[in-house]
Amino acid sequence: MKVSEFVQETLREIVKGVKDSHGPVQKLGGAVNPKGCQYLSPSAGSVQHKKTSRIGQDVEFDIEVSVAESKRVEGGAKIPVLSVEGERVSENRVVNRVRFKVPVIFPKGEYKEKED
């Protein structure tokens, strides 16, 4: 896979995941990547909705994506794990990391003072 294809597919999947999460999270009383938010503290990743003043924060994702390509090479040793006799398997592996953040406002909770 070309790097351009990897970037395109990765971004498409991230955007699809964010979009698909809007409805289910909203039903629970939260919001994913809502309009009208401003960062209170970019280093801490906290956001505040301008109209409702609700506080949220960035949910950080760190995903490792690996691609393996295997080739059979004749005349090699027996590999019991693969149960292939008379062949050797050569494997090239490429590992990529994708990191991104999505601002999320969590559902409201109920706070009650503890009575002494």
N, C-alpha and C. Protein backbone atom coordinates (compact mmCIF):
# COMPACT_ATOMS: atom_id res chain seq x y z
N MET A 1 0.85 -1.17 0.00
CA MET A 1 0.00 0.00 0.00
C MET A 1 0.89 1.24 0.00
N LYS A 2 0.56 2.19 -0.83
CA LYS A 2 1.31 3.44 -0.90
C LYS A 2 0.98 4.29 0.33
N VAL A 3 1.91 5.16 0.68
CA VAL A 3 1.70 6.05 1.83
C VAL A 3 0.46 6.90 1.61
N SER A 4 0.27 7.41 0.40
CA SER A 4 -0.90 8.25 0.13
C SER A 4 -2.21 7.47 0.34
N GLU A 5 -2.22 6.20 -0.03
CA GLU A 5 -3.41 5.36 0.18
C GLU A 5 -3.63 5.12 1.67
N PHE A 6 -2.54 4.89 2.39
CA PHE A 6 -2.63 4.67 3.83
C PHE A 6 -3.20 5.90 4.53
N VAL A 7 -2.69 7.08 4.19
CA VAL A 7 -3.16 8.32 4.80
C VAL A 7 -4.63 8.54 4.48
N GLN A 8 -5.00 8.36 3.20
CA GLN A 8 -6.38 8.55 2.78
C GLN A 8 -7.32 7.61 3.52
N GLU A 9 -6.99 6.34 3.58
CA GLU A 9 -7.85 5.35 4.23
C GLU A 9 -7.93 5.58 5.74
N THR A 10 -6.80 5.94 6.34
CA THR A 10 -6.77 6.19 7.78
C THR A 10 -7.65 7.38 8.14
N LEU A 11 -7.51 8.47 7.42
CA LEU A 11 -8.32 9.66 7.69
C LEU A 11 -9.80 9.38 7.45
N ARG A 12 -10.10 8.63 6.40
CA ARG A 12 -11.50 8.29 6.11
C ARG A 12 -12.10 7.50 7.27
N GLU A 13 -11.35 6.53 7.78
CA GLU A 13 -11.85 5.70 8.89
C GLU A 13 -12.01 6.52 10.18
N ILE A 14 -11.08 7.44 10.44
CA ILE A 14 -11.19 8.29 11.63
C ILE A 14 -12.43 9.17 11.53
N VAL A 15 -12.61 9.83 10.38
CA VAL A 15 -13.77 10.71 10.20
C VAL A 15 -15.07 9.91 10.29
N LYS A 16 -15.10 8.73 9.70
CA LYS A 16 -16.29 7.87 9.77
C LYS A 16 -16.58 7.49 11.22
N GLY A 17 -15.54 7.14 11.96
CA GLY A 17 -15.72 6.78 13.37
C GLY A 17 -16.27 7.94 14.20
N VAL A 18 -15.74 9.14 13.97
CA VAL A 18 -16.22 10.32 14.69
C VAL A 18 -17.68 10.59 14.32
N LYS A 19 -17.97 10.56 13.03
CA LYS A 19 -19.35 10.83 12.57
C LYS A 19 -20.33 9.78 13.10
N ASP A 20 -19.94 8.51 13.04
CA ASP A 20 -20.82 7.43 13.50
C ASP A 20 -21.06 7.48 15.00
N SER A 21 -20.18 8.14 15.74
CA SER A 21 -20.34 8.20 17.20
C SER A 21 -21.28 9.32 17.65
N HIS A 22 -21.59 10.27 16.77
CA HIS A 22 -22.43 11.41 17.15
C HIS A 22 -23.76 10.98 17.74
N GLY A 23 -24.53 10.17 17.03
CA GLY A 23 -25.87 9.77 17.49
C GLY A 23 -25.85 9.00 18.80
N PRO A 24 -25.08 7.92 18.90
CA PRO A 24 -25.07 7.15 20.15
C PRO A 24 -24.59 7.95 21.37
N VAL A 25 -23.61 8.82 21.18
CA VAL A 25 -23.11 9.63 22.30
C VAL A 25 -24.14 10.68 22.69
N GLN A 26 -24.82 11.26 21.70
CA GLN A 26 -25.85 12.26 21.98
C GLN A 26 -27.00 11.64 22.77
N LYS A 27 -27.36 10.39 22.44
CA LYS A 27 -28.43 9.71 23.18
C LYS A 27 -28.06 9.52 24.65
N LEU A 28 -26.76 9.46 24.93
CA LEU A 28 -26.29 9.30 26.32
C LEU A 28 -26.11 10.65 27.02
N GLY A 29 -26.34 11.76 26.30
CA GLY A 29 -26.24 13.08 26.90
C GLY A 29 -24.92 13.78 26.67
N GLY A 30 -24.09 13.25 25.80
CA GLY A 30 -22.79 13.87 25.50
C GLY A 30 -22.75 14.40 24.09
N ALA A 31 -21.57 14.85 23.68
CA ALA A 31 -21.39 15.36 22.33
C ALA A 31 -19.96 15.09 21.88
N VAL A 32 -19.81 14.68 20.62
CA VAL A 32 -18.50 14.41 20.04
C VAL A 32 -18.17 15.52 19.05
N ASN A 33 -17.03 16.14 19.22
CA ASN A 33 -16.56 17.21 18.34
C ASN A 33 -17.66 18.25 18.10
N PRO A 34 -18.25 18.79 19.18
CA PRO A 34 -19.38 19.71 19.01
C PRO A 34 -18.96 21.06 18.45
N LYS A 35 -19.90 21.69 17.75
CA LYS A 35 -19.69 23.06 17.26
C LYS A 35 -19.69 24.00 18.46
N GLY A 36 -18.98 25.10 18.32
CA GLY A 36 -19.04 26.15 19.33
C GLY A 36 -18.21 25.91 20.57
N CYS A 37 -17.15 25.14 20.44
CA CYS A 37 -16.28 24.90 21.60
C CYS A 37 -15.01 25.72 21.47
N GLN A 38 -14.48 26.09 22.61
CA GLN A 38 -13.19 26.76 22.64
C GLN A 38 -12.30 26.05 23.65
N TYR A 39 -11.01 26.06 23.38
CA TYR A 39 -10.08 25.40 24.29
C TYR A 39 -9.80 26.31 25.47
N LEU A 40 -10.03 25.79 26.67
CA LEU A 40 -9.70 26.53 27.89
C LEU A 40 -8.21 26.42 28.16
N SER A 41 -7.71 25.23 27.93
CA SER A 41 -6.30 24.96 28.17
C SER A 41 -5.83 23.95 27.13
N PRO A 42 -5.25 24.42 26.02
CA PRO A 42 -4.83 23.51 24.97
C PRO A 42 -3.87 22.43 25.46
N SER A 43 -3.00 22.77 26.39
CA SER A 43 -2.04 21.77 26.88
C SER A 43 -2.74 20.68 27.69
N ALA A 44 -3.81 21.05 28.40
CA ALA A 44 -4.56 20.05 29.18
C ALA A 44 -5.64 19.39 28.35
N GLY A 45 -5.97 19.98 27.20
CA GLY A 45 -6.97 19.39 26.32
C GLY A 45 -8.39 19.59 26.80
N SER A 46 -8.66 20.66 27.60
CA SER A 46 -10.03 20.87 28.04
C SER A 46 -10.71 21.92 27.18
N VAL A 47 -11.98 21.64 26.86
CA VAL A 47 -12.78 22.52 26.02
C VAL A 47 -14.02 22.95 26.77
N GLN A 48 -14.58 24.09 26.35
CA GLN A 48 -15.83 24.57 26.93
C GLN A 48 -16.75 24.99 25.80
N HIS A 49 -18.00 24.56 25.89
CA HIS A 49 -18.99 24.96 24.90
C HIS A 49 -19.39 26.40 25.18
N LYS A 50 -19.34 27.25 24.15
CA LYS A 50 -19.57 28.68 24.33
C LYS A 50 -20.99 29.00 24.80
N LYS A 51 -22.00 28.28 24.31
CA LYS A 51 -23.39 28.59 24.67
C LYS A 51 -23.80 27.94 26.00
N THR A 52 -23.45 26.69 26.20
CA THR A 52 -23.93 25.97 27.39
C THR A 52 -22.93 26.01 28.54
N SER A 53 -21.71 26.42 28.28
CA SER A 53 -20.62 26.45 29.27
C SER A 53 -20.23 25.06 29.77
N ARG A 54 -20.75 24.02 29.14
CA ARG A 54 -20.37 22.67 29.55
C ARG A 54 -18.90 22.42 29.22
N ILE A 55 -18.24 21.73 30.11
CA ILE A 55 -16.81 21.44 29.96
C ILE A 55 -16.65 20.04 29.38
N GLY A 56 -15.69 19.91 28.50
CA GLY A 56 -15.34 18.61 27.95
C GLY A 56 -13.84 18.51 27.82
N GLN A 57 -13.38 17.45 27.26
CA GLN A 57 -11.94 17.35 27.02
C GLN A 57 -11.65 16.47 25.83
N ASP A 58 -10.40 16.56 25.39
CA ASP A 58 -9.97 15.75 24.26
C ASP A 58 -9.82 14.30 24.70
N VAL A 59 -10.34 13.41 23.89
CA VAL A 59 -10.09 11.99 24.06
C VAL A 59 -8.98 11.67 23.07
N GLU A 60 -7.89 11.16 23.59
CA GLU A 60 -6.71 10.93 22.76
C GLU A 60 -6.64 9.48 22.32
N PHE A 61 -6.39 9.28 21.05
CA PHE A 61 -6.24 7.95 20.47
C PHE A 61 -4.81 7.76 20.01
N ASP A 62 -4.27 6.60 20.26
CA ASP A 62 -2.92 6.24 19.80
C ASP A 62 -3.05 4.83 19.24
N ILE A 63 -3.11 4.73 17.91
CA ILE A 63 -3.39 3.45 17.25
C ILE A 63 -2.15 2.98 16.50
N GLU A 64 -1.84 1.72 16.65
CA GLU A 64 -0.74 1.12 15.90
C GLU A 64 -1.32 0.28 14.78
N VAL A 65 -0.85 0.55 13.57
CA VAL A 65 -1.32 -0.18 12.39
C VAL A 65 -0.12 -0.89 11.80
N SER A 66 -0.24 -2.20 11.62
CA SER A 66 0.88 -2.92 11.02
C SER A 66 0.42 -3.67 9.79
N VAL A 67 1.31 -3.74 8.83
CA VAL A 67 1.05 -4.44 7.58
C VAL A 67 2.16 -5.46 7.41
N ALA A 68 1.78 -6.70 7.15
CA ALA A 68 2.79 -7.75 6.97
C ALA A 68 2.64 -8.34 5.58
N GLU A 69 3.77 -8.59 4.96
CA GLU A 69 3.80 -9.22 3.65
C GLU A 69 4.65 -10.47 3.78
N SER A 70 4.08 -11.62 3.45
CA SER A 70 4.80 -12.88 3.56
C SER A 70 5.11 -13.44 2.18
N LYS A 71 6.29 -14.01 2.06
CA LYS A 71 6.69 -14.65 0.80
C LYS A 71 7.21 -16.04 1.14
N ARG A 72 6.87 -17.01 0.31
CA ARG A 72 7.38 -18.37 0.50
C ARG A 72 8.66 -18.53 -0.29
N VAL A 73 9.65 -19.08 0.35
CA VAL A 73 10.93 -19.30 -0.29
C VAL A 73 11.19 -20.80 -0.30
N GLU A 74 11.38 -21.40 -1.47
CA GLU A 74 11.57 -22.85 -1.56
C GLU A 74 12.94 -23.25 -1.03
N GLY A 75 13.00 -24.50 -0.55
CA GLY A 75 14.26 -25.05 -0.08
C GLY A 75 14.57 -24.72 1.37
N GLY A 76 13.63 -24.11 2.08
CA GLY A 76 13.86 -23.73 3.47
C GLY A 76 13.56 -24.87 4.42
N ALA A 77 13.62 -24.59 5.68
CA ALA A 77 13.37 -25.58 6.73
C ALA A 77 11.89 -25.68 7.01
N LYS A 78 11.52 -26.74 7.71
CA LYS A 78 10.13 -26.96 8.12
C LYS A 78 9.78 -25.96 9.22
N ILE A 79 8.61 -25.35 9.09
CA ILE A 79 8.13 -24.42 10.11
C ILE A 79 6.90 -25.05 10.76
N PRO A 80 7.05 -25.62 11.94
CA PRO A 80 5.93 -26.33 12.56
C PRO A 80 4.72 -25.44 12.85
N VAL A 81 4.94 -24.16 13.16
CA VAL A 81 3.82 -23.28 13.49
C VAL A 81 2.90 -23.11 12.29
N LEU A 82 3.48 -23.00 11.12
CA LEU A 82 2.68 -22.81 9.91
C LEU A 82 2.33 -24.12 9.23
N SER A 83 2.92 -25.22 9.69
CA SER A 83 2.71 -26.54 9.11
C SER A 83 3.01 -26.55 7.62
N VAL A 84 4.08 -25.91 7.22
CA VAL A 84 4.49 -25.88 5.83
C VAL A 84 5.82 -26.62 5.75
N GLU A 85 5.85 -27.72 5.00
CA GLU A 85 7.09 -28.49 4.88
C GLU A 85 7.84 -28.08 3.63
N GLY A 86 9.16 -27.99 3.73
CA GLY A 86 10.00 -27.72 2.58
C GLY A 86 9.98 -26.28 2.11
N GLU A 87 9.37 -25.39 2.89
CA GLU A 87 9.32 -23.99 2.51
C GLU A 87 9.74 -23.12 3.69
N ARG A 88 10.29 -21.99 3.39
CA ARG A 88 10.62 -21.01 4.41
C ARG A 88 9.78 -19.78 4.10
N VAL A 89 9.31 -19.12 5.12
CA VAL A 89 8.49 -17.92 4.94
C VAL A 89 9.31 -16.71 5.34
N SER A 90 9.37 -15.75 4.45
CA SER A 90 10.05 -14.49 4.72
C SER A 90 8.96 -13.44 4.92
N GLU A 91 9.08 -12.65 5.98
CA GLU A 91 8.03 -11.68 6.28
C GLU A 91 8.62 -10.28 6.44
N ASN A 92 8.02 -9.34 5.77
CA ASN A 92 8.34 -7.92 5.94
C ASN A 92 7.18 -7.29 6.68
N ARG A 93 7.48 -6.53 7.72
CA ARG A 93 6.42 -5.90 8.51
C ARG A 93 6.69 -4.40 8.59
N VAL A 94 5.63 -3.63 8.35
CA VAL A 94 5.69 -2.18 8.47
C VAL A 94 4.71 -1.77 9.56
N VAL A 95 5.19 -1.00 10.53
CA VAL A 95 4.34 -0.56 11.63
C VAL A 95 4.23 0.96 11.59
N ASN A 96 3.00 1.45 11.65
CA ASN A 96 2.74 2.88 11.66
C ASN A 96 1.92 3.21 12.91
N ARG A 97 2.13 4.38 13.43
CA ARG A 97 1.34 4.85 14.57
C ARG A 97 0.53 6.06 14.10
N VAL A 98 -0.72 6.09 14.53
CA VAL A 98 -1.60 7.20 14.22
C VAL A 98 -2.10 7.75 15.56
N ARG A 99 -1.86 9.03 15.79
CA ARG A 99 -2.30 9.67 17.03
C ARG A 99 -3.21 10.84 16.66
N PHE A 100 -4.34 10.93 17.36
CA PHE A 100 -5.24 12.05 17.13
C PHE A 100 -6.11 12.25 18.35
N LYS A 101 -6.72 13.42 18.45
CA LYS A 101 -7.58 13.77 19.58
C LYS A 101 -8.93 14.21 19.05
N VAL A 102 -9.97 13.88 19.80
CA VAL A 102 -11.33 14.29 19.46
C VAL A 102 -11.94 14.94 20.69
N PRO A 103 -12.41 16.21 20.59
CA PRO A 103 -13.05 16.83 21.75
C PRO A 103 -14.41 16.19 22.03
N VAL A 104 -14.64 15.89 23.30
CA VAL A 104 -15.88 15.22 23.72
C VAL A 104 -16.43 15.94 24.95
N ILE A 105 -17.73 16.21 24.93
CA ILE A 105 -18.40 16.71 26.13
C ILE A 105 -19.16 15.52 26.70
N PHE A 106 -18.86 15.20 27.94
CA PHE A 106 -19.44 14.03 28.57
C PHE A 106 -20.83 14.35 29.12
N PRO A 107 -21.66 13.32 29.33
CA PRO A 107 -23.00 13.54 29.89
C PRO A 107 -22.93 14.19 31.26
N LYS A 108 -23.97 14.94 31.58
CA LYS A 108 -24.05 15.58 32.90
C LYS A 108 -24.25 14.51 33.96
N GLY A 109 -23.62 14.71 35.06
CA GLY A 109 -23.81 13.82 36.20
C GLY A 109 -24.50 14.57 37.31
N GLU A 110 -24.99 13.84 38.27
CA GLU A 110 -25.67 14.45 39.39
C GLU A 110 -24.73 14.47 40.57
N TYR A 111 -24.57 15.63 41.19
CA TYR A 111 -23.67 15.76 42.32
C TYR A 111 -24.48 16.00 43.57
N LYS A 112 -24.23 15.20 44.59
CA LYS A 112 -24.92 15.37 45.87
C LYS A 112 -23.88 15.51 46.97
N GLU A 113 -24.08 16.49 47.83
CA GLU A 113 -23.19 16.67 48.97
C GLU A 113 -23.38 15.50 49.93
N LYS A 114 -22.30 15.06 50.48
CA LYS A 114 -22.36 13.98 51.46
C LYS A 114 -22.79 14.57 52.80
N GLU A 115 -23.84 14.00 53.37
CA GLU A 115 -24.33 14.50 54.65
C GLU A 115 -23.56 13.88 55.79
N ASP A 116 -23.18 14.73 56.78
CA ASP A 116 -22.45 14.22 57.94
C ASP A 116 -23.37 13.84 59.05
